[in-house]
Amino acid sequence: MEDLVNLAQVVVGISVFYVWIFRFHNVLKEFKSFELNDLTRNFVGASKMALSTLLIVGVWFPTLVFIPSLLMAGFMISAQFFHFKIKNTFIKHLPSLVLLLLSLTIAYFSMP
């Protein structure tokens, strides 16, 4: 089970990095449709990148994982809220929903 949790940590971490680095044009469009300002977008991006780094490093240092996984889950719950707010289709909800479930799974199995 530990290997699956480690895999989940890497998947969540790399997925967030991928979106915020290589799909940033999508992030810009989404935050604009959510009517959130640039400061909020930058705060969310920097926070998610830091949390992703901690999740990946947590493969070698497991004590770093619990709080970042809960915080990442919180960001994903927020993403779900905003997707519902603007009435996006389910397919738009799916990536953050999967990352939410993975983050909660990671948190559950890394509880102190």
N, C-alpha and C. Protein backbone atom coordinates (compact mmCIF):
# COMPACT_ATOMS: atom_id res chain seq x y z
N MET A 1 0.83 -1.20 0.00
CA MET A 1 0.00 0.00 0.00
C MET A 1 0.87 1.26 0.00
N GLU A 2 2.00 1.17 0.68
CA GLU A 2 2.90 2.32 0.74
C GLU A 2 3.34 2.75 -0.66
N ASP A 3 3.59 1.77 -1.53
CA ASP A 3 4.00 2.09 -2.90
C ASP A 3 2.89 2.81 -3.66
N LEU A 4 1.65 2.41 -3.44
CA LEU A 4 0.53 3.07 -4.11
C LEU A 4 0.35 4.51 -3.62
N VAL A 5 0.54 4.71 -2.34
CA VAL A 5 0.45 6.07 -1.78
C VAL A 5 1.58 6.93 -2.35
N ASN A 6 2.78 6.37 -2.42
CA ASN A 6 3.90 7.11 -3.01
C ASN A 6 3.62 7.46 -4.47
N LEU A 7 3.04 6.50 -5.19
CA LEU A 7 2.68 6.76 -6.59
C LEU A 7 1.64 7.88 -6.66
N ALA A 8 0.66 7.85 -5.79
CA ALA A 8 -0.36 8.91 -5.76
C ALA A 8 0.28 10.27 -5.49
N GLN A 9 1.24 10.31 -4.57
CA GLN A 9 1.93 11.58 -4.27
C GLN A 9 2.62 12.12 -5.51
N VAL A 10 3.30 11.25 -6.23
CA VAL A 10 4.01 11.68 -7.43
C VAL A 10 3.02 12.10 -8.51
N VAL A 11 1.94 11.37 -8.66
CA VAL A 11 0.92 11.70 -9.67
C VAL A 11 0.32 13.07 -9.38
N VAL A 12 -0.07 13.32 -8.14
CA VAL A 12 -0.64 14.62 -7.78
C VAL A 12 0.40 15.72 -8.02
N GLY A 13 1.61 15.51 -7.53
CA GLY A 13 2.65 16.53 -7.67
C GLY A 13 2.96 16.87 -9.11
N ILE A 14 3.19 15.85 -9.93
CA ILE A 14 3.52 16.09 -11.33
C ILE A 14 2.33 16.68 -12.09
N SER A 15 1.12 16.22 -11.78
CA SER A 15 -0.07 16.77 -12.44
C SER A 15 -0.21 18.26 -12.20
N VAL A 16 -0.02 18.67 -10.95
CA VAL A 16 -0.14 20.10 -10.62
C VAL A 16 0.97 20.89 -11.31
N PHE A 17 2.20 20.37 -11.28
CA PHE A 17 3.29 21.05 -11.99
C PHE A 17 2.97 21.18 -13.48
N TYR A 18 2.48 20.12 -14.08
CA TYR A 18 2.17 20.12 -15.51
C TYR A 18 1.15 21.21 -15.85
N VAL A 19 0.08 21.26 -15.07
CA VAL A 19 -0.98 22.24 -15.34
C VAL A 19 -0.47 23.66 -15.16
N TRP A 20 0.26 23.92 -14.08
CA TRP A 20 0.67 25.29 -13.78
C TRP A 20 1.89 25.74 -14.58
N ILE A 21 2.59 24.81 -15.24
CA ILE A 21 3.73 25.20 -16.07
C ILE A 21 3.39 25.12 -17.56
N PHE A 22 2.92 23.95 -18.00
CA PHE A 22 2.73 23.73 -19.43
C PHE A 22 1.32 24.07 -19.92
N ARG A 23 0.36 24.16 -19.02
CA ARG A 23 -1.01 24.49 -19.40
C ARG A 23 -1.46 25.80 -18.75
N PHE A 24 -0.51 26.69 -18.55
CA PHE A 24 -0.81 27.94 -17.85
C PHE A 24 -1.85 28.77 -18.59
N HIS A 25 -1.87 28.67 -19.92
CA HIS A 25 -2.88 29.40 -20.69
C HIS A 25 -4.29 28.97 -20.28
N ASN A 26 -4.45 27.69 -19.95
CA ASN A 26 -5.73 27.20 -19.45
C ASN A 26 -6.06 27.78 -18.08
N VAL A 27 -5.05 27.86 -17.22
CA VAL A 27 -5.22 28.42 -15.88
C VAL A 27 -5.70 29.87 -16.01
N LEU A 28 -5.10 30.62 -16.92
CA LEU A 28 -5.49 32.01 -17.13
C LEU A 28 -6.97 32.11 -17.51
N LYS A 29 -7.40 31.26 -18.45
CA LYS A 29 -8.81 31.27 -18.88
C LYS A 29 -9.75 30.88 -17.75
N GLU A 30 -9.37 29.84 -17.00
CA GLU A 30 -10.25 29.39 -15.92
C GLU A 30 -10.40 30.44 -14.83
N PHE A 31 -9.29 31.03 -14.39
CA PHE A 31 -9.38 32.03 -13.33
C PHE A 31 -10.16 33.25 -13.80
N LYS A 32 -10.05 33.56 -15.08
CA LYS A 32 -10.85 34.67 -15.61
C LYS A 32 -12.33 34.30 -15.58
N SER A 33 -12.66 33.07 -15.97
CA SER A 33 -14.07 32.66 -15.94
C SER A 33 -14.60 32.54 -14.52
N PHE A 34 -13.72 32.24 -13.56
CA PHE A 34 -14.12 32.19 -12.16
C PHE A 34 -14.22 33.59 -11.54
N GLU A 35 -13.80 34.61 -12.30
CA GLU A 35 -13.79 36.01 -11.86
C GLU A 35 -12.90 36.21 -10.63
N LEU A 36 -11.73 35.56 -10.67
CA LEU A 36 -10.74 35.72 -9.61
C LEU A 36 -9.60 36.57 -10.15
N ASN A 37 -9.02 37.40 -9.29
CA ASN A 37 -7.98 38.32 -9.74
C ASN A 37 -6.61 37.64 -9.86
N ASP A 38 -5.66 38.38 -10.42
CA ASP A 38 -4.32 37.85 -10.66
C ASP A 38 -3.61 37.51 -9.36
N LEU A 39 -3.81 38.31 -8.33
CA LEU A 39 -3.16 38.04 -7.04
C LEU A 39 -3.62 36.70 -6.48
N THR A 40 -4.90 36.43 -6.56
CA THR A 40 -5.43 35.16 -6.09
C THR A 40 -4.85 34.01 -6.91
N ARG A 41 -4.84 34.17 -8.23
CA ARG A 41 -4.28 33.15 -9.11
C ARG A 41 -2.83 32.87 -8.78
N ASN A 42 -2.05 33.92 -8.57
CA ASN A 42 -0.63 33.74 -8.26
C ASN A 42 -0.43 33.08 -6.90
N PHE A 43 -1.25 33.45 -5.92
CA PHE A 43 -1.17 32.82 -4.60
C PHE A 43 -1.49 31.33 -4.69
N VAL A 44 -2.57 31.00 -5.40
CA VAL A 44 -2.97 29.60 -5.56
C VAL A 44 -1.87 28.82 -6.29
N GLY A 45 -1.34 29.40 -7.35
CA GLY A 45 -0.29 28.73 -8.12
C GLY A 45 0.96 28.47 -7.30
N ALA A 46 1.43 29.49 -6.59
CA ALA A 46 2.63 29.32 -5.77
C ALA A 46 2.40 28.30 -4.65
N SER A 47 1.22 28.36 -4.06
CA SER A 47 0.89 27.42 -2.98
C SER A 47 0.82 25.99 -3.50
N LYS A 48 0.16 25.80 -4.63
CA LYS A 48 0.05 24.45 -5.19
C LYS A 48 1.41 23.90 -5.61
N MET A 49 2.26 24.75 -6.14
CA MET A 49 3.62 24.31 -6.53
C MET A 49 4.41 23.90 -5.30
N ALA A 50 4.31 24.68 -4.23
CA ALA A 50 5.02 24.34 -3.00
C ALA A 50 4.49 23.04 -2.41
N LEU A 51 3.17 22.88 -2.39
CA LEU A 51 2.57 21.65 -1.86
C LEU A 51 2.94 20.45 -2.71
N SER A 52 2.98 20.62 -4.03
CA SER A 52 3.38 19.55 -4.93
C SER A 52 4.82 19.11 -4.66
N THR A 53 5.66 20.09 -4.43
CA THR A 53 7.06 19.79 -4.11
C THR A 53 7.15 18.97 -2.83
N LEU A 54 6.39 19.38 -1.81
CA LEU A 54 6.40 18.64 -0.54
C LEU A 54 5.85 17.23 -0.71
N LEU A 55 4.83 17.06 -1.53
CA LEU A 55 4.29 15.72 -1.75
C LEU A 55 5.31 14.81 -2.43
N ILE A 56 6.04 15.34 -3.40
CA ILE A 56 7.05 14.54 -4.09
C ILE A 56 8.22 14.23 -3.16
N VAL A 57 8.69 15.24 -2.44
CA VAL A 57 9.78 15.02 -1.49
C VAL A 57 9.33 14.08 -0.38
N GLY A 58 8.04 14.06 -0.10
CA GLY A 58 7.48 13.20 0.93
C GLY A 58 7.64 11.72 0.64
N VAL A 59 7.95 11.36 -0.60
CA VAL A 59 8.25 9.96 -0.92
C VAL A 59 9.44 9.50 -0.08
N TRP A 60 10.41 10.39 0.11
CA TRP A 60 11.61 10.06 0.89
C TRP A 60 11.51 10.52 2.35
N PHE A 61 10.66 11.51 2.61
CA PHE A 61 10.48 12.04 3.96
C PHE A 61 8.99 12.06 4.29
N PRO A 62 8.43 10.91 4.67
CA PRO A 62 6.98 10.77 4.85
C PRO A 62 6.34 11.73 5.85
N THR A 63 7.11 12.26 6.78
CA THR A 63 6.51 13.18 7.76
C THR A 63 6.05 14.49 7.11
N LEU A 64 6.50 14.75 5.89
CA LEU A 64 6.14 15.99 5.20
C LEU A 64 4.80 15.91 4.46
N VAL A 65 4.16 14.76 4.45
CA VAL A 65 3.06 14.51 3.53
C VAL A 65 1.67 14.88 4.05
N PHE A 66 1.37 14.65 5.30
CA PHE A 66 0.00 14.75 5.80
C PHE A 66 -0.62 16.13 5.58
N ILE A 67 0.02 17.16 6.08
CA ILE A 67 -0.55 18.52 5.97
C ILE A 67 -0.61 19.00 4.52
N PRO A 68 0.45 18.82 3.72
CA PRO A 68 0.33 19.23 2.31
C PRO A 68 -0.78 18.51 1.56
N SER A 69 -1.01 17.23 1.88
CA SER A 69 -2.08 16.52 1.17
C SER A 69 -3.45 17.07 1.56
N LEU A 70 -3.63 17.44 2.82
CA LEU A 70 -4.90 18.05 3.25
C LEU A 70 -5.09 19.43 2.61
N LEU A 71 -4.03 20.21 2.57
CA LEU A 71 -4.12 21.53 1.95
C LEU A 71 -4.42 21.43 0.45
N MET A 72 -3.78 20.45 -0.21
CA MET A 72 -4.04 20.24 -1.63
C MET A 72 -5.50 19.82 -1.83
N ALA A 73 -6.00 18.98 -0.94
CA ALA A 73 -7.42 18.59 -1.01
C ALA A 73 -8.30 19.82 -0.85
N GLY A 74 -7.92 20.73 0.03
CA GLY A 74 -8.68 21.97 0.20
C GLY A 74 -8.72 22.80 -1.07
N PHE A 75 -7.60 22.89 -1.77
CA PHE A 75 -7.58 23.61 -3.04
C PHE A 75 -8.48 22.92 -4.07
N MET A 76 -8.49 21.60 -4.04
CA MET A 76 -9.32 20.86 -5.00
C MET A 76 -10.81 20.99 -4.68
N ILE A 77 -11.14 21.08 -3.41
CA ILE A 77 -12.54 21.35 -3.02
C ILE A 77 -12.94 22.73 -3.53
N SER A 78 -12.03 23.69 -3.39
CA SER A 78 -12.30 25.04 -3.90
C SER A 78 -12.50 25.02 -5.41
N ALA A 79 -11.67 24.25 -6.09
CA ALA A 79 -11.82 24.15 -7.55
C ALA A 79 -13.19 23.58 -7.91
N GLN A 80 -13.62 22.56 -7.16
CA GLN A 80 -14.95 21.99 -7.40
C GLN A 80 -16.04 23.05 -7.20
N PHE A 81 -15.90 23.82 -6.14
CA PHE A 81 -16.87 24.89 -5.86
C PHE A 81 -16.97 25.85 -7.04
N PHE A 82 -15.81 26.30 -7.54
CA PHE A 82 -15.83 27.27 -8.63
C PHE A 82 -16.34 26.67 -9.93
N HIS A 83 -16.06 25.39 -10.17
CA HIS A 83 -16.61 24.74 -11.36
C HIS A 83 -18.13 24.65 -11.27
N PHE A 84 -18.65 24.36 -10.07
CA PHE A 84 -20.10 24.35 -9.88
C PHE A 84 -20.68 25.76 -10.02
N LYS A 85 -19.97 26.73 -9.49
CA LYS A 85 -20.45 28.11 -9.51
C LYS A 85 -20.71 28.60 -10.94
N ILE A 86 -19.81 28.24 -11.85
CA ILE A 86 -20.00 28.71 -13.24
C ILE A 86 -20.66 27.65 -14.11
N LYS A 87 -21.15 26.58 -13.46
CA LYS A 87 -21.92 25.54 -14.15
C LYS A 87 -21.14 24.87 -15.28
N ASN A 88 -19.89 24.49 -14.98
CA ASN A 88 -19.10 23.73 -15.95
C ASN A 88 -19.65 22.33 -16.11
N THR A 89 -19.33 21.72 -17.22
CA THR A 89 -19.73 20.33 -17.45
C THR A 89 -18.91 19.41 -16.54
N PHE A 90 -19.40 18.18 -16.38
CA PHE A 90 -18.72 17.23 -15.49
C PHE A 90 -17.28 16.99 -15.92
N ILE A 91 -17.02 16.98 -17.21
CA ILE A 91 -15.67 16.72 -17.70
C ILE A 91 -14.68 17.78 -17.20
N LYS A 92 -15.17 19.00 -17.00
CA LYS A 92 -14.31 20.07 -16.45
C LYS A 92 -14.06 19.86 -14.96
N HIS A 93 -14.99 19.20 -14.28
CA HIS A 93 -14.85 18.90 -12.85
C HIS A 93 -13.88 17.74 -12.60
N LEU A 94 -13.76 16.86 -13.57
CA LEU A 94 -13.09 15.59 -13.36
C LEU A 94 -11.63 15.68 -12.90
N PRO A 95 -10.77 16.50 -13.52
CA PRO A 95 -9.38 16.53 -13.07
C PRO A 95 -9.23 16.92 -11.59
N SER A 96 -9.92 17.98 -11.17
CA SER A 96 -9.79 18.38 -9.77
C SER A 96 -10.48 17.38 -8.84
N LEU A 97 -11.50 16.69 -9.32
CA LEU A 97 -12.15 15.66 -8.51
C LEU A 97 -11.21 14.48 -8.28
N VAL A 98 -10.52 14.05 -9.33
CA VAL A 98 -9.56 12.95 -9.20
C VAL A 98 -8.43 13.36 -8.26
N LEU A 99 -7.91 14.57 -8.42
CA LEU A 99 -6.83 15.03 -7.54
C LEU A 99 -7.31 15.18 -6.10
N LEU A 100 -8.57 15.56 -5.92
CA LEU A 100 -9.16 15.63 -4.58
C LEU A 100 -9.18 14.25 -3.94
N LEU A 101 -9.67 13.26 -4.66
CA LEU A 101 -9.74 11.91 -4.12
C LEU A 101 -8.35 11.35 -3.83
N LEU A 102 -7.40 11.60 -4.71
CA LEU A 102 -6.02 11.15 -4.47
C LEU A 102 -5.43 11.84 -3.25
N SER A 103 -5.66 13.14 -3.12
CA SER A 103 -5.12 13.89 -1.98
C SER A 103 -5.71 13.38 -0.67
N LEU A 104 -6.99 13.11 -0.65
CA LEU A 104 -7.62 12.58 0.56
C LEU A 104 -7.11 11.18 0.90
N THR A 105 -6.88 10.38 -0.13
CA THR A 105 -6.31 9.04 0.07
C THR A 105 -4.91 9.14 0.66
N ILE A 106 -4.11 10.03 0.12
CA ILE A 106 -2.75 10.24 0.62
C ILE A 106 -2.81 10.67 2.08
N ALA A 107 -3.70 11.62 2.38
CA ALA A 107 -3.82 12.11 3.76
C ALA A 107 -4.23 10.98 4.69
N TYR A 108 -5.19 10.17 4.29
CA TYR A 108 -5.67 9.08 5.12
C TYR A 108 -4.54 8.10 5.48
N PHE A 109 -3.76 7.74 4.48
CA PHE A 109 -2.70 6.74 4.71
C PHE A 109 -1.42 7.34 5.28
N SER A 110 -1.36 8.65 5.40
CA SER A 110 -0.17 9.27 5.99
C SER A 110 -0.47 9.94 7.32
N MET A 111 -1.64 9.65 7.89
CA MET A 111 -2.00 10.26 9.18
C MET A 111 -0.96 9.89 10.23
N PRO A 112 -0.59 10.89 11.06
CA PRO A 112 0.40 10.58 12.11
C PRO A 112 -0.17 9.68 13.19
